[in-house]
Every structure is written in structure tokens, then in C-alpha cells.
């Protein structure tokens, strides 16, 4: 091999090595980007849970309707082990605060075993509740000493 040929060969080899190193660097960067996106997706999924206070309140509402003999299967999906109540049926959460803003409990108690007297204090945890639908639940009134709270709740339904 001539000296000129060796020089050309060395330059080509150096060029190929540089290209390979560049590709390796890009692959490492892509791997880091992918890992970062996966971590953010995991954190993002965990952060969009409803507030514990409201989740507990929803489970109390479920227990109250169940105790009253509500035969609805709609509330069976409200599971204490599911931390993200914003994905539960019959409700809607604010996309920014993750607070419950709508409860559609219409006809949950469609086949009552007894007359129901609404315990309005069940709805106190929901600070940003805008819509509360209780139609068709065979409610005959509220518990004593909750008159002002009941008027607030029913005014929510008017919004």
C-alpha cells in the first residue's frame, strides 16, 4: 500500500468511527428522553387523583345509598382501592384542581326499600361542586337541623 492510500484509508476509517460515535450519542440521548417521558407519564398518572377528602366522601355516599337499599349497580364501580375517583362513573372533576365539580346521582336509588331522608352533610367535602343531580331517588326530605344546608345543595342543582 502506498503512503497516499494509507492516508486516504485512515481518513475514511476516522470518518466512519466518527459517524458511529455520533449515532451512539444520538441513541443515548433518545434513551434518556424516552426514560424521562416514561417517568413523567408515571408521575402524571399518579398526580391526577382526586383529593382524599372527596374520595372518602364519595365512598360515604356509596355506603349511604347501599345502606338505604339502593339497588343501583352504578356505584359498584366506586372502589376504595381505586385512588383516582375522577375516573369513576357519575361524576366529573375539574381538570386543573382535580376536585369533584359534578355528581350525577339521578335514579341511583331506583327501587327503594324504604323512604330516604337525605343526609346533606355527605356533600360537605365537595368544595367546588357545581352540579348535583339527585332526581329520581325517592327522597322524602332531609334529616332534621340541615335545612340551610339542604337549600344550598338544591341551589347547586339549579346552576
Protein backbone atom coordinates (compact mmCIF):
# COMPACT_ATOMS: atom_id res chain seq x y z
CA UNK A 1 0.00 0.00 0.00
CA UNK A 2 1.28 3.40 -0.89
CA UNK A 3 1.57 6.20 1.63
CA UNK A 4 -1.21 8.09 -0.15
CA UNK A 5 -3.54 5.11 0.01
CA UNK A 6 -2.83 4.64 3.72
CA UNK A 7 -3.64 8.28 4.36
CA UNK A 8 -6.95 8.02 2.48
CA UNK A 9 -7.73 4.76 4.31
CA UNK A 10 -7.04 6.36 7.72
CA UNK A 11 -9.25 9.37 6.89
CA UNK A 12 -12.12 7.12 5.77
CA UNK A 13 -11.74 4.95 8.86
CA UNK A 14 -11.71 8.03 11.10
CA UNK A 15 -14.83 9.32 9.32
CA UNK A 16 -16.68 6.00 9.84
CA UNK A 17 -15.66 5.90 13.53
CA UNK A 18 -16.91 9.48 14.00
CA UNK A 19 -20.23 8.59 12.38
CA UNK A 20 -20.61 5.53 14.63
CA UNK A 21 -19.81 7.57 17.74
CA UNK A 22 -22.34 10.19 16.65
CA UNK A 23 -25.03 7.55 16.18
CA UNK A 24 -24.23 6.07 19.58
CA UNK A 25 -24.52 9.51 21.19
CA UNK A 26 -27.89 10.11 19.50
CA UNK A 27 -29.13 6.70 20.67
CA UNK A 28 -28.09 7.52 24.25
CA UNK A 29 -29.89 10.85 24.06
CA UNK A 30 -33.03 9.19 22.73
CA UNK A 31 -32.87 6.62 25.51
CA UNK A 32 -32.67 9.39 28.12
CA UNK A 33 -35.55 11.24 26.51
CA UNK A 34 -37.62 8.04 26.48
CA UNK A 35 -36.81 7.33 30.15
CA UNK A 36 -37.72 10.90 31.10
CA UNK A 37 -41.05 10.67 29.23
CA UNK A 38 -41.86 7.37 30.90
CA UNK A 39 -41.09 8.81 34.33
CA UNK A 40 -43.25 11.86 33.61
CA UNK A 41 -46.08 9.65 32.39
CA UNK A 42 -45.95 7.65 35.61
CA UNK A 43 -45.86 10.77 37.79
CA UNK A 44 -48.55 12.44 35.69
CA UNK A 45 -50.86 9.45 36.11
CA UNK A 46 -50.32 9.43 39.87
CA UNK A 47 -50.88 13.17 40.26
CA UNK A 48 -54.28 13.31 38.61
CA UNK A 49 -56.02 11.62 41.51
CA UNK A 50 -58.93 13.19 43.25
CA UNK A 51 -58.46 14.56 46.74
CA UNK A 52 -58.52 12.03 49.57
CA UNK A 53 -61.23 14.02 51.39
CA UNK A 54 -63.52 13.88 48.35
CA UNK A 55 -62.73 10.21 47.62
CA UNK A 56 -63.72 9.37 51.20
CA UNK A 57 -66.87 11.47 50.79
CA UNK A 58 -67.82 9.58 47.64
CA UNK A 59 -67.34 6.26 49.42
CA UNK A 60 -69.58 7.53 52.24
CA UNK A 61 -72.26 8.45 49.69
CA UNK A 62 -71.97 4.96 48.21
CA UNK A 63 -72.31 3.40 51.67
CA UNK A 64 -75.32 5.61 52.47
CA UNK A 65 -77.15 4.63 49.28
CA UNK A 66 -76.23 0.95 49.81
CA UNK A 67 -77.49 1.04 53.40
CA UNK A 68 -80.72 2.60 52.15
CA UNK A 69 -81.22 -0.37 49.85
CA UNK A 70 -80.29 1.30 46.60
CA UNK A 71 -80.13 -1.42 44.02
CA UNK A 72 -78.07 0.55 41.51
CA UNK A 73 -75.02 -1.07 40.01
CA UNK A 74 -73.68 2.37 39.03
CA UNK A 75 -71.99 2.88 42.38
CA UNK A 76 -70.35 -0.54 42.44
CA UNK A 77 -67.53 0.88 40.31
CA UNK A 78 -66.67 3.27 43.14
CA UNK A 79 -63.87 1.20 44.61
CA UNK A 80 -61.89 2.16 47.71
CA UNK A 81 -58.74 0.71 46.15
CA UNK A 82 -59.01 2.96 43.08
CA UNK A 83 -57.21 6.17 44.03
CA UNK A 84 -58.40 8.14 41.03
CA UNK A 85 -62.07 8.76 41.68
CA UNK A 86 -62.06 11.31 38.84
CA UNK A 87 -62.39 8.31 36.51
CA UNK A 88 -65.42 6.91 38.35
CA UNK A 89 -68.82 6.90 36.71
CA UNK A 90 -71.46 9.51 37.62
CA UNK A 91 -69.04 12.29 38.44
CA UNK A 92 -66.78 14.82 36.83
CA UNK A 93 -63.67 16.52 38.17
CA UNK A 94 -62.15 19.86 37.32
CA UNK A 95 -59.17 19.23 35.03
CA UNK A 96 -56.99 21.71 36.90
CA UNK A 97 -57.83 21.21 40.58
CA UNK A 98 -58.97 17.55 40.38
CA UNK A 99 -61.89 18.47 42.61
CA UNK A 100 -65.32 16.98 42.03
CA UNK A 101 -67.49 19.53 40.22
CA UNK A 102 -70.42 17.33 39.16
CA UNK A 103 -72.27 14.48 40.83
CA UNK A 104 -74.97 12.86 38.73
CA UNK A 105 -76.73 10.61 41.23
CA UNK A 106 -80.07 10.67 39.41
CA UNK A 107 -82.06 7.47 39.96
CA UNK A 108 -79.29 5.69 41.86
CA UNK A 109 -81.99 4.59 44.30
CA UNK A 110 -84.46 3.48 41.63
CA UNK A 111 -86.02 0.66 43.70
CA UNK A 112 -86.06 1.84 47.32
CA UNK A 113 -86.72 -0.48 50.23
CA UNK A 114 -87.67 2.49 52.40
CA UNK A 115 -88.23 6.24 52.23
CA UNK A 116 -84.98 8.16 52.12
CA UNK A 117 -84.17 11.22 54.17
CA UNK A 118 -81.20 12.98 52.67
CA UNK A 119 -78.15 13.39 54.85
CA UNK A 120 -76.90 16.62 53.28
CA UNK A 121 -73.68 16.57 55.32
CA UNK A 122 -72.48 13.83 52.96
CA UNK A 123 -71.83 16.56 50.40
CA UNK A 124 -69.72 18.85 52.61
CA UNK A 125 -66.33 17.56 51.33
CA UNK A 126 -67.09 18.80 47.81
CA UNK A 127 -65.92 22.43 47.96
CA UNK A 128 -66.17 23.06 44.20
CA UNK A 129 -69.33 21.08 43.47
CA UNK A 130 -71.31 22.90 40.78
CA UNK A 131 -73.89 20.32 39.73
CA UNK A 132 -75.66 17.85 41.98
CA UNK A 133 -78.43 15.77 40.43
CA UNK A 134 -80.50 13.75 42.92
CA UNK A 135 -83.64 13.32 40.81
CA UNK A 136 -85.47 10.01 40.90
CA UNK A 137 -84.08 8.79 44.22
CA UNK A 138 -87.36 8.71 46.15
CA UNK A 139 -86.12 11.30 48.62
CA UNK A 140 -88.87 12.36 51.01
CA UNK A 141 -86.92 15.03 52.90
CA UNK A 142 -83.79 15.80 54.81
CA UNK A 143 -82.53 15.00 58.25
CA UNK A 144 -83.52 17.49 60.94
CA UNK A 145 -81.34 20.56 61.56
CA UNK A 146 -79.99 20.57 58.00
CA UNK A 147 -82.45 22.98 56.39
CA UNK A 148 -79.92 25.63 55.36
CA UNK A 149 -77.51 23.03 54.05
CA UNK A 150 -80.29 21.45 52.02
CA UNK A 151 -81.17 24.78 50.43
CA UNK A 152 -77.53 25.21 49.42
CA UNK A 153 -77.44 21.74 47.89
CA UNK A 154 -80.61 22.21 45.91
CA UNK A 155 -79.42 25.60 44.68
CA UNK A 156 -76.38 23.81 43.26
CA UNK A 157 -78.68 21.78 41.04
CA UNK A 158 -80.11 24.99 39.58
CA UNK A 159 -76.71 26.03 38.13
